[in-house]
Amino acid sequence: MAQWLFIYHGGGKPETEEAANQAMQDWGNWFEFIGARVVDGGKPVGQSTTVLAGGKVLPHGGANPVTGYGVFEAASLEEAITIAKGCPILKDGGSVEIAETFDP
């Protein structure tokens, strides 16, 4: 089965403890739905920086900075898309970028 890198963009930090608890529950429910297809549940990431050819550096990750990642198994792009459509970051206005990974 193929592995897919999910790259999270955007979303928001919960403003209250109740909202944080709800967000954690939403992520937990999503991971439960994915089940054994979770390869690496990933993590949120800090501020990103983009390094371009020629050594130019863009602070803050450029136009669409990464806010987290995960790695999941799916038989096809269509299945990976189905999994991504349930991602809690979408509720917060974020997005999920999907790319199949390959062994060297």
N, C-alpha and C. Protein backbone atom coordinates (compact mmCIF):
# COMPACT_ATOMS: atom_id res chain seq x y z
N MET A 1 0.85 -1.18 0.00
CA MET A 1 0.00 0.00 0.00
C MET A 1 0.89 1.23 0.00
N ALA A 2 0.52 2.22 -0.76
CA ALA A 2 1.30 3.46 -0.87
C ALA A 2 1.21 4.28 0.41
N GLN A 3 2.25 5.07 0.63
CA GLN A 3 2.25 6.02 1.75
C GLN A 3 2.14 7.42 1.19
N TRP A 4 1.40 8.26 1.91
CA TRP A 4 1.10 9.62 1.46
C TRP A 4 1.49 10.61 2.55
N LEU A 5 2.21 11.64 2.14
CA LEU A 5 2.57 12.73 3.03
C LEU A 5 1.44 13.75 2.99
N PHE A 6 0.89 14.05 4.14
CA PHE A 6 -0.13 15.10 4.27
C PHE A 6 0.57 16.31 4.87
N ILE A 7 0.52 17.41 4.15
CA ILE A 7 1.16 18.64 4.60
C ILE A 7 0.04 19.62 4.94
N TYR A 8 0.00 20.05 6.17
CA TYR A 8 -1.06 20.94 6.63
C TYR A 8 -0.63 22.40 6.49
N HIS A 9 -1.55 23.20 5.99
CA HIS A 9 -1.33 24.64 5.84
C HIS A 9 -2.46 25.36 6.57
N GLY A 10 -2.11 26.42 7.28
CA GLY A 10 -3.12 27.26 7.91
C GLY A 10 -3.72 26.61 9.15
N GLY A 11 -4.97 26.91 9.36
CA GLY A 11 -5.63 26.49 10.59
C GLY A 11 -5.43 27.55 11.65
N GLY A 12 -5.86 27.28 12.82
CA GLY A 12 -5.72 28.27 13.88
C GLY A 12 -5.44 27.61 15.21
N LYS A 13 -4.92 28.39 16.13
CA LYS A 13 -4.66 27.92 17.47
C LYS A 13 -5.92 28.18 18.30
N PRO A 14 -6.42 27.16 19.00
CA PRO A 14 -7.63 27.37 19.82
C PRO A 14 -7.41 28.49 20.84
N GLU A 15 -8.45 29.30 21.00
CA GLU A 15 -8.34 30.46 21.88
C GLU A 15 -8.75 30.19 23.31
N THR A 16 -9.47 29.09 23.54
CA THR A 16 -9.89 28.75 24.90
C THR A 16 -9.51 27.30 25.20
N GLU A 17 -9.50 26.96 26.48
CA GLU A 17 -9.21 25.59 26.87
C GLU A 17 -10.27 24.64 26.32
N GLU A 18 -11.51 25.08 26.32
CA GLU A 18 -12.60 24.26 25.77
C GLU A 18 -12.39 24.00 24.28
N ALA A 19 -12.01 25.02 23.55
CA ALA A 19 -11.75 24.86 22.11
C ALA A 19 -10.54 23.95 21.88
N ALA A 20 -9.52 24.06 22.73
CA ALA A 20 -8.34 23.20 22.61
C ALA A 20 -8.73 21.74 22.87
N ASN A 21 -9.55 21.51 23.88
CA ASN A 21 -10.01 20.16 24.18
C ASN A 21 -10.83 19.59 23.03
N GLN A 22 -11.68 20.42 22.43
CA GLN A 22 -12.50 19.97 21.30
C GLN A 22 -11.60 19.65 20.10
N ALA A 23 -10.60 20.46 19.86
CA ALA A 23 -9.67 20.22 18.75
C ALA A 23 -8.93 18.90 18.96
N MET A 24 -8.48 18.65 20.17
CA MET A 24 -7.79 17.39 20.46
C MET A 24 -8.73 16.20 20.25
N GLN A 25 -9.98 16.35 20.65
CA GLN A 25 -10.96 15.29 20.45
C GLN A 25 -11.20 15.06 18.96
N ASP A 26 -11.32 16.15 18.19
CA ASP A 26 -11.52 16.03 16.75
C ASP A 26 -10.36 15.30 16.09
N TRP A 27 -9.13 15.68 16.45
CA TRP A 27 -7.95 15.00 15.87
C TRP A 27 -7.93 13.53 16.30
N GLY A 28 -8.24 13.26 17.56
CA GLY A 28 -8.27 11.87 18.04
C GLY A 28 -9.30 11.04 17.29
N ASN A 29 -10.48 11.62 17.06
CA ASN A 29 -11.53 10.92 16.30
C ASN A 29 -11.07 10.65 14.87
N TRP A 30 -10.39 11.61 14.26
CA TRP A 30 -9.92 11.44 12.89
C TRP A 30 -8.88 10.32 12.82
N PHE A 31 -7.94 10.32 13.76
CA PHE A 31 -6.92 9.25 13.79
C PHE A 31 -7.57 7.89 14.04
N GLU A 32 -8.61 7.86 14.85
CA GLU A 32 -9.33 6.61 15.09
C GLU A 32 -9.97 6.12 13.79
N PHE A 33 -10.57 7.04 13.01
CA PHE A 33 -11.16 6.70 11.71
C PHE A 33 -10.10 6.13 10.77
N ILE A 34 -8.90 6.72 10.77
CA ILE A 34 -7.82 6.28 9.88
C ILE A 34 -7.29 4.92 10.33
N GLY A 35 -7.23 4.70 11.63
CA GLY A 35 -6.83 3.41 12.18
C GLY A 35 -5.41 3.01 11.84
N ALA A 36 -5.23 1.77 11.40
CA ALA A 36 -3.91 1.21 11.13
C ALA A 36 -3.22 1.86 9.94
N ARG A 37 -3.93 2.70 9.21
CA ARG A 37 -3.31 3.38 8.06
C ARG A 37 -2.43 4.55 8.48
N VAL A 38 -2.41 4.87 9.79
CA VAL A 38 -1.52 5.93 10.29
C VAL A 38 -0.10 5.37 10.34
N VAL A 39 0.80 5.94 9.56
CA VAL A 39 2.21 5.55 9.56
C VAL A 39 2.96 6.42 10.55
N ASP A 40 2.75 7.72 10.47
CA ASP A 40 3.34 8.71 11.37
C ASP A 40 2.29 9.79 11.56
N GLY A 41 1.74 9.87 12.76
CA GLY A 41 0.69 10.84 13.03
C GLY A 41 1.14 12.28 12.85
N GLY A 42 2.45 12.50 12.78
CA GLY A 42 2.97 13.83 12.53
C GLY A 42 2.92 14.72 13.75
N LYS A 43 3.14 15.98 13.49
CA LYS A 43 3.17 17.00 14.55
C LYS A 43 2.88 18.35 13.93
N PRO A 44 2.44 19.29 14.76
CA PRO A 44 2.42 20.67 14.29
C PRO A 44 3.88 21.12 14.17
N VAL A 45 4.13 22.13 13.37
CA VAL A 45 5.49 22.65 13.23
C VAL A 45 5.51 24.14 13.56
N GLY A 46 6.68 24.63 13.88
CA GLY A 46 6.87 26.05 14.15
C GLY A 46 6.99 26.84 12.86
N GLN A 47 7.32 28.08 13.01
CA GLN A 47 7.47 28.98 11.86
C GLN A 47 8.43 28.38 10.85
N SER A 48 8.03 28.37 9.60
CA SER A 48 8.89 27.81 8.55
C SER A 48 9.63 28.92 7.81
N THR A 49 10.71 28.52 7.18
CA THR A 49 11.53 29.40 6.36
C THR A 49 11.78 28.70 5.04
N THR A 50 11.69 29.40 3.93
CA THR A 50 11.92 28.81 2.62
C THR A 50 13.24 29.33 2.06
N VAL A 51 14.08 28.39 1.60
CA VAL A 51 15.35 28.74 0.98
C VAL A 51 15.20 28.44 -0.52
N LEU A 52 15.43 29.44 -1.35
CA LEU A 52 15.29 29.32 -2.80
C LEU A 52 16.65 29.17 -3.47
N ALA A 53 16.64 28.75 -4.73
CA ALA A 53 17.87 28.68 -5.51
C ALA A 53 18.54 30.05 -5.48
N GLY A 54 19.84 30.06 -5.44
CA GLY A 54 20.57 31.32 -5.38
C GLY A 54 20.73 31.83 -3.97
N GLY A 55 20.18 31.09 -2.99
CA GLY A 55 20.35 31.46 -1.59
C GLY A 55 19.35 32.44 -1.03
N LYS A 56 18.35 32.85 -1.83
CA LYS A 56 17.33 33.76 -1.30
C LYS A 56 16.53 33.05 -0.21
N VAL A 57 16.27 33.75 0.88
CA VAL A 57 15.55 33.18 2.01
C VAL A 57 14.26 33.96 2.23
N LEU A 58 13.15 33.20 2.30
CA LEU A 58 11.85 33.81 2.58
C LEU A 58 11.44 33.46 4.01
N PRO A 59 11.39 34.43 4.89
CA PRO A 59 10.93 34.15 6.25
C PRO A 59 9.43 33.83 6.24
N HIS A 60 8.98 33.19 7.25
CA HIS A 60 7.56 32.87 7.42
C HIS A 60 7.05 31.87 6.39
N GLY A 61 7.93 31.14 5.72
CA GLY A 61 7.53 30.07 4.83
C GLY A 61 6.98 30.48 3.49
N GLY A 62 7.03 31.73 3.16
CA GLY A 62 6.53 32.15 1.85
C GLY A 62 5.02 32.30 1.83
N ALA A 63 4.43 32.04 0.68
CA ALA A 63 3.01 32.31 0.46
C ALA A 63 2.08 31.36 1.22
N ASN A 64 2.51 30.11 1.46
CA ASN A 64 1.63 29.12 2.08
C ASN A 64 2.43 28.28 3.07
N PRO A 65 2.76 28.83 4.24
CA PRO A 65 3.63 28.13 5.16
C PRO A 65 3.01 26.84 5.71
N VAL A 66 3.87 25.89 5.96
CA VAL A 66 3.47 24.60 6.53
C VAL A 66 3.18 24.79 8.02
N THR A 67 2.11 24.15 8.50
CA THR A 67 1.79 24.20 9.93
C THR A 67 1.85 22.83 10.59
N GLY A 68 2.03 21.77 9.78
CA GLY A 68 2.14 20.42 10.34
C GLY A 68 2.19 19.39 9.23
N TYR A 69 2.30 18.12 9.64
CA TYR A 69 2.38 17.03 8.66
C TYR A 69 1.89 15.73 9.27
N GLY A 70 1.66 14.73 8.45
CA GLY A 70 1.38 13.36 8.85
C GLY A 70 1.68 12.46 7.67
N VAL A 71 1.86 11.16 7.93
CA VAL A 71 2.07 10.18 6.87
C VAL A 71 1.06 9.06 7.06
N PHE A 72 0.34 8.75 5.99
CA PHE A 72 -0.74 7.77 6.06
C PHE A 72 -0.66 6.80 4.88
N GLU A 73 -1.19 5.60 5.07
CA GLU A 73 -1.27 4.63 3.99
C GLU A 73 -2.63 4.76 3.31
N ALA A 74 -2.62 4.64 2.00
CA ALA A 74 -3.85 4.62 1.21
C ALA A 74 -3.55 3.88 -0.09
N ALA A 75 -4.53 3.17 -0.61
CA ALA A 75 -4.33 2.39 -1.82
C ALA A 75 -4.25 3.25 -3.08
N SER A 76 -4.78 4.47 -2.99
CA SER A 76 -4.83 5.33 -4.18
C SER A 76 -4.92 6.79 -3.75
N LEU A 77 -4.72 7.67 -4.72
CA LEU A 77 -4.90 9.10 -4.45
C LEU A 77 -6.33 9.36 -4.00
N GLU A 78 -7.28 8.70 -4.61
CA GLU A 78 -8.69 8.91 -4.25
C GLU A 78 -8.93 8.56 -2.79
N GLU A 79 -8.33 7.46 -2.31
CA GLU A 79 -8.48 7.09 -0.90
C GLU A 79 -7.79 8.10 0.00
N ALA A 80 -6.61 8.58 -0.41
CA ALA A 80 -5.90 9.60 0.38
C ALA A 80 -6.74 10.87 0.47
N ILE A 81 -7.39 11.24 -0.62
CA ILE A 81 -8.26 12.42 -0.63
C ILE A 81 -9.42 12.22 0.33
N THR A 82 -10.01 11.03 0.34
CA THR A 82 -11.11 10.74 1.26
C THR A 82 -10.67 10.89 2.70
N ILE A 83 -9.47 10.40 3.00
CA ILE A 83 -8.93 10.55 4.36
C ILE A 83 -8.73 12.03 4.68
N ALA A 84 -8.13 12.76 3.74
CA ALA A 84 -7.84 14.18 3.97
C ALA A 84 -9.10 15.01 4.18
N LYS A 85 -10.18 14.63 3.53
CA LYS A 85 -11.43 15.39 3.65
C LYS A 85 -11.97 15.39 5.08
N GLY A 86 -11.53 14.45 5.91
CA GLY A 86 -11.96 14.40 7.30
C GLY A 86 -11.01 15.11 8.25
N CYS A 87 -9.93 15.69 7.73
CA CYS A 87 -8.92 16.31 8.59
C CYS A 87 -9.50 17.52 9.35
N PRO A 88 -9.33 17.56 10.66
CA PRO A 88 -9.86 18.66 11.46
C PRO A 88 -9.33 20.04 11.09
N ILE A 89 -8.17 20.13 10.46
CA ILE A 89 -7.64 21.45 10.10
C ILE A 89 -8.56 22.16 9.12
N LEU A 90 -9.33 21.41 8.36
CA LEU A 90 -10.24 22.02 7.39
C LEU A 90 -11.33 22.84 8.09
N LYS A 91 -11.72 22.42 9.31
CA LYS A 91 -12.72 23.17 10.09
C LYS A 91 -12.22 24.56 10.46
N ASP A 92 -10.90 24.69 10.56
CA ASP A 92 -10.28 25.95 10.97
C ASP A 92 -9.81 26.79 9.78
N GLY A 93 -10.29 26.44 8.59
CA GLY A 93 -9.92 27.21 7.41
C GLY A 93 -8.59 26.82 6.80
N GLY A 94 -7.97 25.75 7.29
CA GLY A 94 -6.70 25.28 6.76
C GLY A 94 -6.91 24.39 5.55
N SER A 95 -5.80 23.86 5.04
CA SER A 95 -5.86 22.96 3.89
C SER A 95 -4.87 21.82 4.09
N VAL A 96 -5.05 20.76 3.28
CA VAL A 96 -4.18 19.60 3.33
C VAL A 96 -3.62 19.38 1.92
N GLU A 97 -2.31 19.39 1.81
CA GLU A 97 -1.63 19.06 0.56
C GLU A 97 -1.21 17.59 0.66
N ILE A 98 -1.40 16.82 -0.41
CA ILE A 98 -1.14 15.39 -0.39
C ILE A 98 -0.09 15.06 -1.44
N ALA A 99 0.90 14.25 -1.08
CA ALA A 99 1.90 13.78 -2.04
C ALA A 99 2.28 12.35 -1.70
N GLU A 100 2.30 11.48 -2.70
CA GLU A 100 2.74 10.10 -2.49
C GLU A 100 4.24 10.09 -2.23
N THR A 101 4.68 9.25 -1.30
CA THR A 101 6.09 9.10 -1.02
C THR A 101 6.62 7.86 -1.75
N PHE A 102 7.91 7.86 -2.03
CA PHE A 102 8.53 6.74 -2.72
C PHE A 102 9.80 6.33 -1.99
N ASP A 103 10.06 5.02 -1.97
CA ASP A 103 11.33 4.54 -1.42
C ASP A 103 12.43 4.80 -2.45
N PRO A 104 13.62 5.17 -1.95
CA PRO A 104 14.72 5.44 -2.89
C PRO A 104 15.19 4.18 -3.59
